Amino acid sequence: MSYVDGFVLVVPKKKIAAYAKIARLAGKVWREHGALDYRECVADDLTVKFGMPFTRLVKTKPGETIVFSYILYRSRAHRDKVNAKVMADPRMQKQPPDMPFDPKRMAHGGFRTIVAA
């Protein structure tokens, strides 16, 4: 089964374009180093009839939105190999002077796939 790195970030709405620019480069780098898929998704419909909405989970403030991202790999070992190459890639060493999101409010983790339909 596949393996997924998942991320949830809070991004100011006025900085979505800047975030997307960084994400496009990151997606290119991850795919070049072997990731099977790379997705960055901005919140579109956060009204829920049950459960906890993402907005309450991550405590968004006015003017903020949520980005849900994931990277797909063949396995956890494959993820580890790809990520080692990505972290060594010089393009990933350059951080923008003004990050378009607060990394302290980012949630992430690795997930083992249990169902693939």
PDB file of N, CA and C in Angstrom:
ATOM      1  N   MET A   1       0.839  -1.197   0.000  1.00  0.00           N
ATOM      2  CA  MET A   1       0.000   0.000   0.000  1.00  0.00           C
ATOM      3  C   MET A   1       0.873   1.246   0.000  1.00  0.00           C
ATOM      4  N   SER A   2       0.302   2.342  -0.424  1.00  0.00           N
ATOM      5  CA  SER A   2       1.020   3.604  -0.523  1.00  0.00           C
ATOM      6  C   SER A   2       1.172   4.268   0.842  1.00  0.00           C
ATOM      7  N   TYR A   3       1.924   5.355   0.838  1.00  0.00           N
ATOM      8  CA  TYR A   3       2.186   6.136   2.044  1.00  0.00           C
ATOM      9  C   TYR A   3       1.961   7.603   1.714  1.00  0.00           C
ATOM     10  N   VAL A   4       1.415   8.368   2.662  1.00  0.00           N
ATOM     11  CA  VAL A   4       1.070   9.764   2.422  1.00  0.00           C
ATOM     12  C   VAL A   4       1.639  10.638   3.534  1.00  0.00           C
ATOM     13  N   ASP A   5       2.254  11.743   3.147  1.00  0.00           N
ATOM     14  CA  ASP A   5       2.545  12.825   4.088  1.00  0.00           C
ATOM     15  C   ASP A   5       1.415  13.821   3.937  1.00  0.00           C
ATOM     16  N   GLY A   6       0.767  14.172   5.046  1.00  0.00           N
ATOM     17  CA  GLY A   6      -0.353  15.104   5.007  1.00  0.00           C
ATOM     18  C   GLY A   6      -0.049  16.354   5.807  1.00  0.00           C
ATOM     19  N   PHE A   7      -0.588  17.485   5.350  1.00  0.00           N
ATOM     20  CA  PHE A   7      -0.337  18.784   5.968  1.00  0.00           C
ATOM     21  C   PHE A   7      -1.628  19.597   6.031  1.00  0.00           C
ATOM     22  N   VAL A   8      -1.795  20.356   7.091  1.00  0.00           N
ATOM     23  CA  VAL A   8      -2.864  21.343   7.201  1.00  0.00           C
ATOM     24  C   VAL A   8      -2.195  22.642   7.657  1.00  0.00           C
ATOM     25  N   LEU A   9      -2.394  23.704   6.870  1.00  0.00           N
ATOM     26  CA  LEU A   9      -1.765  24.995   7.153  1.00  0.00           C
ATOM     27  C   LEU A   9      -2.805  26.094   7.183  1.00  0.00           C
ATOM     28  N   VAL A  10      -2.544  27.109   7.981  1.00  0.00           N
ATOM     29  CA  VAL A  10      -3.363  28.308   8.000  1.00  0.00           C
ATOM     30  C   VAL A  10      -2.596  29.369   7.207  1.00  0.00           C
ATOM     31  N   VAL A  11      -3.246  29.942   6.198  1.00  0.00           N
ATOM     32  CA  VAL A  11      -2.603  30.913   5.317  1.00  0.00           C
ATOM     33  C   VAL A  11      -3.483  32.165   5.225  1.00  0.00           C
ATOM     34  N   PRO A  12      -2.904  33.357   5.394  1.00  0.00           N
ATOM     35  CA  PRO A  12      -3.697  34.564   5.160  1.00  0.00           C
ATOM     36  C   PRO A  12      -4.200  34.578   3.717  1.00  0.00           C
ATOM     37  N   LYS A  13      -5.466  34.902   3.531  1.00  0.00           N
ATOM     38  CA  LYS A  13      -6.057  34.894   2.180  1.00  0.00           C
ATOM     39  C   LYS A  13      -5.272  35.771   1.216  1.00  0.00           C
ATOM     40  N   LYS A  14      -4.751  36.882   1.698  1.00  0.00           N
ATOM     41  CA  LYS A  14      -4.007  37.788   0.823  1.00  0.00           C
ATOM     42  C   LYS A  14      -2.636  37.217   0.423  1.00  0.00           C
ATOM     43  N   LYS A  15      -2.227  36.107   1.044  1.00  0.00           N
ATOM     44  CA  LYS A  15      -0.932  35.504   0.721  1.00  0.00           C
ATOM     45  C   LYS A  15      -1.056  34.169  -0.014  1.00  0.00           C
ATOM     46  N   ILE A  16      -2.256  33.819  -0.472  1.00  0.00           N
ATOM     47  CA  ILE A  16      -2.443  32.549  -1.181  1.00  0.00           C
ATOM     48  C   ILE A  16      -1.603  32.503  -2.452  1.00  0.00           C
ATOM     49  N   ALA A  17      -1.540  33.583  -3.205  1.00  0.00           N
ATOM     50  CA  ALA A  17      -0.746  33.591  -4.445  1.00  0.00           C
ATOM     51  C   ALA A  17       0.730  33.358  -4.143  1.00  0.00           C
ATOM     52  N   ALA A  18       1.254  33.983  -3.101  1.00  0.00           N
ATOM     53  CA  ALA A  18       2.656  33.786  -2.714  1.00  0.00           C
ATOM     54  C   ALA A  18       2.882  32.348  -2.259  1.00  0.00           C
ATOM     55  N   TYR A  19       1.918  31.807  -1.519  1.00  0.00           N
ATOM     56  CA  TYR A  19       2.025  30.421  -1.081  1.00  0.00           C
ATOM     57  C   TYR A  19       2.013  29.479  -2.284  1.00  0.00           C
ATOM     58  N   ALA A  20       1.123  29.727  -3.233  1.00  0.00           N
ATOM     59  CA  ALA A  20       1.016  28.870  -4.416  1.00  0.00           C
ATOM     60  C   ALA A  20       2.316  28.870  -5.218  1.00  0.00           C
ATOM     61  N   LYS A  21       2.990  29.997  -5.281  1.00  0.00           N
ATOM     62  CA  LYS A  21       4.268  30.070  -5.996  1.00  0.00           C
ATOM     63  C   LYS A  21       5.296  29.142  -5.343  1.00  0.00           C
ATOM     64  N   ILE A  22       5.385  29.185  -4.035  1.00  0.00           N
ATOM     65  CA  ILE A  22       6.307  28.308  -3.303  1.00  0.00           C
ATOM     66  C   ILE A  22       5.893  26.848  -3.486  1.00  0.00           C
ATOM     67  N   ALA A  23       4.596  26.593  -3.419  1.00  0.00           N
ATOM     68  CA  ALA A  23       4.074  25.227  -3.540  1.00  0.00           C
ATOM     69  C   ALA A  23       4.344  24.642  -4.926  1.00  0.00           C
ATOM     70  N   ARG A  24       4.239  25.450  -5.975  1.00  0.00           N
ATOM     71  CA  ARG A  24       4.532  24.950  -7.330  1.00  0.00           C
ATOM     72  C   ARG A  24       5.978  24.481  -7.431  1.00  0.00           C
ATOM     73  N   LEU A  25       6.914  25.248  -6.869  1.00  0.00           N
ATOM     74  CA  LEU A  25       8.314  24.838  -6.880  1.00  0.00           C
ATOM     75  C   LEU A  25       8.495  23.565  -6.051  1.00  0.00           C
ATOM     76  N   ALA A  26       7.899  23.528  -4.878  1.00  0.00           N
ATOM     77  CA  ALA A  26       8.023  22.344  -4.019  1.00  0.00           C
ATOM     78  C   ALA A  26       7.467  21.115  -4.724  1.00  0.00           C
ATOM     79  N   GLY A  27       6.314  21.257  -5.362  1.00  0.00           N
ATOM     80  CA  GLY A  27       5.730  20.130  -6.084  1.00  0.00           C
ATOM     81  C   GLY A  27       6.647  19.620  -7.176  1.00  0.00           C
ATOM     82  N   LYS A  28       7.262  20.547  -7.898  1.00  0.00           N
ATOM     83  CA  LYS A  28       8.206  20.160  -8.960  1.00  0.00           C
ATOM     84  C   LYS A  28       9.387  19.386  -8.376  1.00  0.00           C
ATOM     85  N   VAL A  29       9.941  19.894  -7.287  1.00  0.00           N
ATOM     86  CA  VAL A  29      11.099  19.247  -6.660  1.00  0.00           C
ATOM     87  C   VAL A  29      10.727  17.860  -6.140  1.00  0.00           C
ATOM     88  N   TRP A  30       9.606  17.748  -5.428  1.00  0.00           N
ATOM     89  CA  TRP A  30       9.203  16.441  -4.894  1.00  0.00           C
ATOM     90  C   TRP A  30       8.982  15.434  -6.019  1.00  0.00           C
ATOM     91  N   ARG A  31       8.310  15.856  -7.078  1.00  0.00           N
ATOM     92  CA  ARG A  31       8.051  14.928  -8.195  1.00  0.00           C
ATOM     93  C   ARG A  31       9.354  14.530  -8.889  1.00  0.00           C
ATOM     94  N   GLU A  32      10.272  15.473  -9.076  1.00  0.00           N
ATOM     95  CA  GLU A  32      11.559  15.147  -9.695  1.00  0.00           C
ATOM     96  C   GLU A  32      12.333  14.118  -8.881  1.00  0.00           C
ATOM     97  N   HIS A  33      12.147  14.143  -7.563  1.00  0.00           N
ATOM     98  CA  HIS A  33      12.870  13.214  -6.698  1.00  0.00           C
ATOM     99  C   HIS A  33      12.092  11.927  -6.401  1.00  0.00           C
ATOM    100  N   GLY A  34      10.934  11.754  -7.056  1.00  0.00           N
ATOM    101  CA  GLY A  34      10.267  10.468  -6.987  1.00  0.00           C
ATOM    102  C   GLY A  34       8.900  10.402  -6.349  1.00  0.00           C
ATOM    103  N   ALA A  35       8.387  11.501  -5.791  1.00  0.00           N
ATOM    104  CA  ALA A  35       7.031  11.456  -5.224  1.00  0.00           C
ATOM    105  C   ALA A  35       6.049  11.100  -6.337  1.00  0.00           C
ATOM    106  N   LEU A  36       5.057  10.290  -6.016  1.00  0.00           N
ATOM    107  CA  LEU A  36       4.067   9.859  -7.004  1.00  0.00           C
ATOM    108  C   LEU A  36       3.033  10.936  -7.305  1.00  0.00           C
ATOM    109  N   ASP A  37       2.707  11.741  -6.304  1.00  0.00           N
ATOM    110  CA  ASP A  37       1.718  12.808  -6.473  1.00  0.00           C
ATOM    111  C   ASP A  37       1.996  13.876  -5.434  1.00  0.00           C
ATOM    112  N   TYR A  38       1.622  15.095  -5.758  1.00  0.00           N
ATOM    113  CA  TYR A  38       1.825  16.234  -4.866  1.00  0.00           C
ATOM    114  C   TYR A  38       0.632  17.154  -5.059  1.00  0.00           C
ATOM    115  N   ARG A  39      -0.112  17.427  -4.007  1.00  0.00           N
ATOM    116  CA  ARG A  39      -1.318  18.271  -4.105  1.00  0.00           C
ATOM    117  C   ARG A  39      -1.320  19.335  -3.019  1.00  0.00           C
ATOM    118  N   GLU A  40      -1.741  20.516  -3.412  1.00  0.00           N
ATOM    119  CA  GLU A  40      -1.970  21.634  -2.496  1.00  0.00           C
ATOM    120  C   GLU A  40      -3.398  22.091  -2.751  1.00  0.00           C
ATOM    121  N   CYS A  41      -4.234  22.081  -1.742  1.00  0.00           N
ATOM    122  CA  CYS A  41      -5.662  22.355  -1.910  1.00  0.00           C
ATOM    123  C   CYS A  41      -6.089  23.455  -0.942  1.00  0.00           C
ATOM    124  N   VAL A  42      -6.693  24.515  -1.474  1.00  0.00           N
ATOM    125  CA  VAL A  42      -7.157  25.607  -0.623  1.00  0.00           C
ATOM    126  C   VAL A  42      -8.628  25.383  -0.280  1.00  0.00           C
ATOM    127  N   ALA A  43      -8.990  25.763   0.936  1.00  0.00           N
ATOM    128  CA  ALA A  43     -10.361  25.558   1.421  1.00  0.00           C
ATOM    129  C   ALA A  43     -11.365  26.211   0.484  1.00  0.00           C
ATOM    130  N   ASP A  44     -12.448  25.490   0.235  1.00  0.00           N
ATOM    131  CA  ASP A  44     -13.507  25.981  -0.641  1.00  0.00           C
ATOM    132  C   ASP A  44     -14.871  25.866   0.033  1.00  0.00           C
ATOM    133  N   ASP A  45     -15.110  24.772   0.719  1.00  0.00           N
ATOM    134  CA  ASP A  45     -16.387  24.550   1.390  1.00  0.00           C
ATOM    135  C   ASP A  45     -16.103  23.959   2.762  1.00  0.00           C
ATOM    136  N   LEU A  46     -16.175  24.788   3.776  1.00  0.00           N
ATOM    137  CA  LEU A  46     -15.868  24.340   5.131  1.00  0.00           C
ATOM    138  C   LEU A  46     -17.093  24.274   6.018  1.00  0.00           C
ATOM    139  N   THR A  47     -18.274  24.343   5.407  1.00  0.00           N
ATOM    140  CA  THR A  47     -19.499  24.196   6.188  1.00  0.00           C
ATOM    141  C   THR A  47     -19.762  22.700   6.342  1.00  0.00           C
ATOM    142  N   VAL A  48     -19.867  22.271   7.567  1.00  0.00           N
ATOM    143  CA  VAL A  48     -20.094  20.850   7.816  1.00  0.00           C
ATOM    144  C   VAL A  48     -21.348  20.681   8.667  1.00  0.00           C
ATOM    145  N   LYS A  49     -22.052  19.589   8.437  1.00  0.00           N
ATOM    146  CA  LYS A  49     -23.275  19.310   9.185  1.00  0.00           C
ATOM    147  C   LYS A  49     -23.000  18.459  10.431  1.00  0.00           C
ATOM    148  N   PHE A  50     -21.824  17.822  10.447  1.00  0.00           N
ATOM    149  CA  PHE A  50     -21.445  17.039  11.627  1.00  0.00           C
ATOM    150  C   PHE A  50     -19.931  17.082  11.762  1.00  0.00           C
ATOM    151  N   GLY A  51     -19.444  16.707  12.935  1.00  0.00           N
ATOM    152  CA  GLY A  51     -18.004  16.740  13.166  1.00  0.00           C
ATOM    153  C   GLY A  51     -17.517  18.154  13.428  1.00  0.00           C
ATOM    154  N   MET A  52     -16.216  18.304  13.479  1.00  0.00           N
ATOM    155  CA  MET A  52     -15.603  19.599  13.751  1.00  0.00           C
ATOM    156  C   MET A  52     -15.081  20.206  12.458  1.00  0.00           C
ATOM    157  N   PRO A  53     -15.488  21.429  12.147  1.00  0.00           N
ATOM    158  CA  PRO A  53     -14.968  22.061  10.931  1.00  0.00           C
ATOM    159  C   PRO A  53     -13.482  22.386  11.089  1.00  0.00           C
ATOM    160  N   PHE A  54     -12.752  22.339   9.992  1.00  0.00           N
ATOM    161  CA  PHE A  54     -11.329  22.667  10.013  1.00  0.00           C
ATOM    162  C   PHE A  54     -11.089  24.036  10.641  1.00  0.00           C
ATOM    163  N   THR A  55     -11.983  24.997  10.373  1.00  0.00           N
ATOM    164  CA  THR A  55     -11.786  26.355  10.895  1.00  0.00           C
ATOM    165  C   THR A  55     -11.716  26.370  12.415  1.00  0.00           C
ATOM    166  N   ARG A  56     -12.505  25.537  13.061  1.00  0.00           N
ATOM    167  CA  ARG A  56     -12.462  25.469  14.523  1.00  0.00           C
ATOM    168  C   ARG A  56     -11.258  24.659  14.987  1.00  0.00           C
ATOM    169  N   LEU A  57     -10.916  23.636  14.237  1.00  0.00           N
ATOM    170  CA  LEU A  57      -9.782  22.786  14.600  1.00  0.00           C
ATOM    171  C   LEU A  57      -8.477  23.584  14.637  1.00  0.00           C
ATOM    172  N   VAL A  58      -8.250  24.417  13.616  1.00  0.00           N
ATOM    173  CA  VAL A  58      -6.986  25.162  13.531  1.00  0.00           C
ATOM    174  C   VAL A  58      -7.127  26.618  13.966  1.00  0.00           C
ATOM    175  N   LYS A  59      -8.325  26.987  14.426  1.00  0.00           N
ATOM    176  CA  LYS A  59      -8.586  28.310  14.990  1.00  0.00           C
ATOM    177  C   LYS A  59      -8.216  29.436  14.021  1.00  0.00           C
ATOM    178  N   THR A  60      -8.816  29.395  12.838  1.00  0.00           N
ATOM    179  CA  THR A  60      -8.566  30.469  11.873  1.00  0.00           C
ATOM    180  C   THR A  60      -9.116  31.789  12.400  1.00  0.00           C
ATOM    181  N   LYS A  61      -8.453  32.848  11.974  1.00  0.00           N
ATOM    182  CA  LYS A  61      -8.869  34.210  12.319  1.00  0.00           C
ATOM    183  C   LYS A  61      -9.462  34.843  11.064  1.00  0.00           C
ATOM    184  N   PRO A  62     -10.166  35.962  11.214  1.00  0.00           N
ATOM    185  CA  PRO A  62     -10.673  36.643  10.018  1.00  0.00           C
ATOM    186  C   PRO A  62      -9.529  36.930   9.035  1.00  0.00           C
ATOM    187  N   GLY A  63      -9.783  36.701   7.767  1.00  0.00           N
ATOM    188  CA  GLY A  63      -8.766  36.947   6.751  1.00  0.00           C
ATOM    189  C   GLY A  63      -7.844  35.763   6.496  1.00  0.00           C
ATOM    190  N   GLU A  64      -8.070  34.639   7.186  1.00  0.00           N
ATOM    191  CA  GLU A  64      -7.249  33.449   6.994  1.00  0.00           C
ATOM    192  C   GLU A  64      -8.065  32.345   6.328  1.00  0.00           C
ATOM    193  N   THR A  65      -7.364  31.442   5.669  1.00  0.00           N
ATOM    194  CA  THR A  65      -7.991  30.265   5.096  1.00  0.00           C
ATOM    195  C   THR A  65      -7.106  29.065   5.388  1.00  0.00           C
ATOM    196  N   ILE A  66      -7.546  27.913   4.940  1.00  0.00           N
ATOM    197  CA  ILE A  66      -6.842  26.664   5.238  1.00  0.00           C
ATOM    198  C   ILE A  66      -6.363  26.025   3.946  1.00  0.00           C
ATOM    199  N   VAL A  67      -5.147  25.509   3.994  1.00  0.00           N
ATOM    200  CA  VAL A  67      -4.592  24.730   2.891  1.00  0.00           C
ATOM    201  C   VAL A  67      -4.376  23.312   3.398  1.00  0.00           C
ATOM    202  N   PHE A  68      -4.897  22.358   2.650  1.00  0.00           N
ATOM    203  CA  PHE A  68      -4.702  20.934   2.922  1.00  0.00           C
ATOM    204  C   PHE A  68      -3.801  20.400   1.824  1.00  0.00           C
ATOM    205  N   SER A  69      -2.713  19.755   2.198  1.00  0.00           N
ATOM    206  CA  SER A  69      -1.735  19.276   1.225  1.00  0.00           C
ATOM    207  C   SER A  69      -1.395  17.830   1.497  1.00  0.00           C
ATOM    208  N   TYR A  70      -1.020  17.135   0.415  1.00  0.00           N
ATOM    209  CA  TYR A  70      -0.504  15.790   0.625  1.00  0.00           C
ATOM    210  C   TYR A  70       0.467  15.408  -0.478  1.00  0.00           C
ATOM    211  N   ILE A  71       1.375  14.514  -0.103  1.00  0.00           N
ATOM    212  CA  ILE A  71       2.371  13.973  -1.025  1.00  0.00           C
ATOM    213  C   ILE A  71       2.250  12.457  -0.949  1.00  0.00           C
ATOM    214  N   LEU A  72       2.179  11.823  -2.109  1.00  0.00           N
ATOM    215  CA  LEU A  72       1.976  10.378  -2.184  1.00  0.00           C
ATOM    216  C   LEU A  72       3.281   9.662  -2.546  1.00  0.00           C
ATOM    217  N   TYR A  73       3.543   8.564  -1.850  1.00  0.00           N
ATOM    218  CA  TYR A  73       4.744   7.745  -2.060  1.00  0.00           C
ATOM    219  C   TYR A  73       4.345   6.275  -2.176  1.00  0.00           C
ATOM    220  N   ARG A  74       5.283   5.446  -2.627  1.00  0.00           N
ATOM    221  CA  ARG A  74       5.045   4.002  -2.708  1.00  0.00           C
ATOM    222  C   ARG A  74       4.985   3.367  -1.319  1.00  0.00           C
ATOM    223  N   SER A  75       5.822   3.850  -0.397  1.00  0.00           N
ATOM    224  CA  SER A  75       5.926   3.268   0.942  1.00  0.00           C
ATOM    225  C   SER A  75       6.595   4.292   1.865  1.00  0.00           C
ATOM    226  N   ARG A  76       6.659   3.967   3.132  1.00  0.00           N
ATOM    227  CA  ARG A  76       7.354   4.856   4.070  1.00  0.00           C
ATOM    228  C   ARG A  76       8.842   4.921   3.733  1.00  0.00           C
ATOM    229  N   ALA A  77       9.437   3.793   3.365  1.00  0.00           N
ATOM    230  CA  ALA A  77      10.857   3.784   2.986  1.00  0.00           C
ATOM    231  C   ALA A  77      11.081   4.664   1.749  1.00  0.00           C
ATOM    232  N   HIS A  78      10.166   4.582   0.783  1.00  0.00           N
ATOM    233  CA  HIS A  78      10.250   5.431  -0.403  1.00  0.00           C
ATOM    234  C   HIS A  78      10.139   6.905  -0.002  1.00  0.00           C
ATOM    235  N   ARG A  79       9.212   7.210   0.903  1.00  0.00           N
ATOM    236  CA  ARG A  79       9.059   8.581   1.404  1.00  0.00           C
ATOM    237  C   ARG A  79      10.365   9.074   2.011  1.00  0.00           C
ATOM    238  N   ASP A  80      10.983   8.243   2.835  1.00  0.00           N
ATOM    239  CA  ASP A  80      12.225   8.653   3.493  1.00  0.00           C
ATOM    240  C   ASP A  80      13.334   8.939   2.483  1.00  0.00           C
ATOM    241  N   LYS A  81      13.427   8.118   1.439  1.00  0.00           N
ATOM    242  CA  LYS A  81      14.442   8.335   0.400  1.00  0.00           C
ATOM    243  C   LYS A  81      14.163   9.620  -0.385  1.00  0.00           C
ATOM    244  N   VAL A  82      12.909   9.803  -0.784  1.00  0.00           N
ATOM    245  CA  VAL A  82      12.536  11.007  -1.540  1.00  0.00           C
ATOM    246  C   VAL A  82      12.787  12.253  -0.698  1.00  0.00           C
ATOM    247  N   ASN A  83      12.343  12.241   0.554  1.00  0.00           N
ATOM    248  CA  ASN A  83      12.501  13.423   1.402  1.00  0.00           C
ATOM    249  C   ASN A  83      13.968  13.760   1.655  1.00  0.00           C
ATOM    250  N   ALA A  84      14.813  12.750   1.766  1.00  0.00           N
ATOM    251  CA  ALA A  84      16.246  13.014   1.948  1.00  0.00           C
ATOM    252  C   ALA A  84      16.802  13.751   0.724  1.00  0.00           C
ATOM    253  N   LYS A  85      16.387  13.331  -0.456  1.00  0.00           N
ATOM    254  CA  LYS A  85      16.834  14.003  -1.688  1.00  0.00           C
ATOM    255  C   LYS A  85      16.276  15.419  -1.766  1.00  0.00           C
ATOM    256  N   VAL A  86      15.012  15.578  -1.400  1.00  0.00           N
ATOM    257  CA  VAL A  86      14.374  16.907  -1.444  1.00  0.00           C
ATOM    258  C   VAL A  86      15.088  17.856  -0.487  1.00  0.00           C
ATOM    259  N   MET A  87      15.363  17.413   0.715  1.00  0.00           N
ATOM    260  CA  MET A  87      16.002  18.288   1.702  1.00  0.00           C
ATOM    261  C   MET A  87      17.424  18.664   1.294  1.00  0.00           C
ATOM    262  N   ALA A  88      18.073  17.830   0.500  1.00  0.00           N
ATOM    263  CA  ALA A  88      19.424  18.124   0.016  1.00  0.00           C
ATOM    264  C   ALA A  88      19.409  18.974  -1.251  1.00  0.00           C
ATOM    265  N   ASP A  89      18.259  19.146  -1.868  1.00  0.00           N
ATOM    266  CA  ASP A  89      18.150  19.906  -3.113  1.00  0.00           C
ATOM    267  C   ASP A  89      18.351  21.395  -2.820  1.00  0.00           C
ATOM    268  N   PRO A  90      19.291  22.049  -3.533  1.00  0.00           N
ATOM    269  CA  PRO A  90      19.564  23.474  -3.266  1.00  0.00           C
ATOM    270  C   PRO A  90      18.344  24.379  -3.428  1.00  0.00           C
ATOM    271  N   ARG A  91      17.394  23.996  -4.268  1.00  0.00           N
ATOM    272  CA  ARG A  91      16.200  24.829  -4.445  1.00  0.00           C
ATOM    273  C   ARG A  91      15.361  24.896  -3.185  1.00  0.00           C
ATOM    274  N   MET A  92      15.481  23.884  -2.343  1.00  0.00           N
ATOM    275  CA  MET A  92      14.695  23.868  -1.110  1.00  0.00           C
ATOM    276  C   MET A  92      15.404  24.568   0.042  1.00  0.00           C
ATOM    277  N   GLN A  93      16.648  24.956  -0.166  1.00  0.00           N
ATOM    278  CA  GLN A  93      17.411  25.635   0.878  1.00  0.00           C
ATOM    279  C   GLN A  93      17.071  27.119   0.956  1.00  0.00           C
ATOM    280  N   LYS A  94      16.518  27.655  -0.126  1.00  0.00           N
ATOM    281  CA  LYS A  94      16.198  29.082  -0.191  1.00  0.00           C
ATOM    282  C   LYS A  94      14.812  29.329   0.381  1.00  0.00           C
ATOM    283  N   GLN A  95      14.764  29.905   1.554  1.00  0.00           N
ATOM    284  CA  GLN A  95      13.486  30.250   2.169  1.00  0.00           C
ATOM    285  C   GLN A  95      13.151  31.699   1.832  1.00  0.00           C
ATOM    286  N   PRO A  96      11.915  31.983   1.469  1.00  0.00           N
ATOM    287  CA  PRO A  96      11.558  33.378   1.201  1.00  0.00           C
ATOM    288  C   PRO A  96      11.712  34.201   2.480  1.00  0.00           C
ATOM    289  N   PRO A  97      12.085  35.475   2.350  1.00  0.00           N
ATOM    290  CA  PRO A  97      12.280  36.306   3.551  1.00  0.00           C
ATOM    291  C   PRO A  97      10.987  36.480   4.353  1.00  0.00           C
ATOM    292  N   ASP A  98       9.853  36.424   3.675  1.00  0.00           N
ATOM    293  CA  ASP A  98       8.560  36.588   4.341  1.00  0.00           C
ATOM    294  C   ASP A  98       7.692  35.382   4.010  1.00  0.00           C
ATOM    295  N   MET A  99       7.763  34.349   4.853  1.00  0.00           N
ATOM    296  CA  MET A  99       6.967  33.141   4.601  1.00  0.00           C
ATOM    297  C   MET A  99       5.488  33.520   4.574  1.00  0.00           C
ATOM    298  N   PRO A 100       4.731  32.984   3.619  1.00  0.00           N
ATOM    299  CA  PRO A 100       3.316  33.348   3.506  1.00  0.00           C
ATOM    300  C   PRO A 100       2.405  32.591   4.480  1.00  0.00           C
ATOM    301  N   PHE A 101       2.984  31.876   5.427  1.00  0.00           N
ATOM    302  CA  PHE A 101       2.194  31.191   6.453  1.00  0.00           C
ATOM    303  C   PHE A 101       3.043  31.057   7.705  1.00  0.00           C
ATOM    304  N   ASP A 102       2.404  30.741   8.818  1.00  0.00           N
ATOM    305  CA  ASP A 102       3.106  30.568  10.087  1.00  0.00           C
ATOM    306  C   ASP A 102       3.397  29.085  10.282  1.00  0.00           C
ATOM    307  N   PRO A 103       4.666  28.665  10.140  1.00  0.00           N
ATOM    308  CA  PRO A 103       5.000  27.238  10.283  1.00  0.00           C
ATOM    309  C   PRO A 103       4.616  26.661  11.650  1.00  0.00           C
ATOM    310  N   LYS A 104       4.519  27.501  12.668  1.00  0.00           N
ATOM    311  CA  LYS A 104       4.152  27.021  14.006  1.00  0.00           C
ATOM    312  C   LYS A 104       2.699  26.563  14.063  1.00  0.00           C
ATOM    313  N   ARG A 105       1.892  26.993  13.088  1.00  0.00           N
ATOM    314  CA  ARG A 105       0.480  26.598  13.048  1.00  0.00           C
ATOM    315  C   ARG A 105       0.227  25.508  12.009  1.00  0.00           C
ATOM    316  N   MET A 106       1.284  24.899  11.495  1.00  0.00           N
ATOM    317  CA  MET A 106       1.155  23.835  10.504  1.00  0.00           C
ATOM    318  C   MET A 106       1.105  22.485  11.233  1.00  0.00           C
ATOM    319  N   ALA A 107       0.171  21.651  10.816  1.00  0.00           N
ATOM    320  CA  ALA A 107       0.093  20.286  11.333  1.00  0.00           C
ATOM    321  C   ALA A 107       0.510  19.349  10.209  1.00  0.00           C
ATOM    322  N   HIS A 108       1.276  18.321  10.532  1.00  0.00           N
ATOM    323  CA  HIS A 108       1.696  17.377   9.497  1.00  0.00           C
ATOM    324  C   HIS A 108       2.022  16.031  10.116  1.00  0.00           C
ATOM    325  N   GLY A 109       2.036  15.030   9.255  1.00  0.00           N
ATOM    326  CA  GLY A 109       2.382  13.683   9.708  1.00  0.00           C
ATOM    327  C   GLY A 109       2.389  12.711   8.535  1.00  0.00           C
ATOM    328  N   GLY A 110       2.943  11.539   8.784  1.00  0.00           N
ATOM    329  CA  GLY A 110       2.987  10.475   7.787  1.00  0.00           C
ATOM    330  C   GLY A 110       1.882   9.472   8.062  1.00  0.00           C
ATOM    331  N   PHE A 111       1.243   8.998   6.977  1.00  0.00           N
ATOM    332  CA  PHE A 111       0.076   8.129   7.109  1.00  0.00           C
ATOM    333  C   PHE A 111       0.231   6.888   6.221  1.00  0.00           C
ATOM    334  N   ARG A 112       0.043   5.752   6.808  1.00  0.00           N
ATOM    335  CA  ARG A 112       0.032   4.491   6.090  1.00  0.00           C
ATOM    336  C   ARG A 112      -1.359   4.270   5.526  1.00  0.00           C
ATOM    337  N   THR A 113      -1.442   3.998   4.245  1.00  0.00           N
ATOM    338  CA  THR A 113      -2.741   3.783   3.597  1.00  0.00           C
ATOM    339  C   THR A 113      -3.332   2.447   4.046  1.00  0.00           C
ATOM    340  N   ILE A 114      -4.603   2.474   4.435  1.00  0.00           N
ATOM    341  CA  ILE A 114      -5.280   1.228   4.808  1.00  0.00           C
ATOM    342  C   ILE A 114      -6.386   0.867   3.812  1.00  0.00           C
ATOM    343  N   VAL A 115      -6.854   1.844   3.025  1.00  0.00           N
ATOM    344  CA  VAL A 115      -7.853   1.597   1.983  1.00  0.00           C
ATOM    345  C   VAL A 115      -7.496   2.461   0.784  1.00  0.00           C
ATOM    346  N   ALA A 116      -7.470   1.845  -0.380  1.00  0.00           N
ATOM    347  CA  ALA A 116      -7.283   2.582  -1.623  1.00  0.00           C
ATOM    348  C   ALA A 116      -8.366   2.090  -2.581  1.00  0.00           C
ATOM    349  N   ALA A 117      -9.325   2.946  -2.882  1.00  0.00           N
ATOM    350  CA  ALA A 117     -10.463   2.532  -3.705  1.00  0.00           C
ATOM    351  C   ALA A 117     -10.347   3.048  -5.124  1.00  0.00           C
TER     352      ALA A 117
END
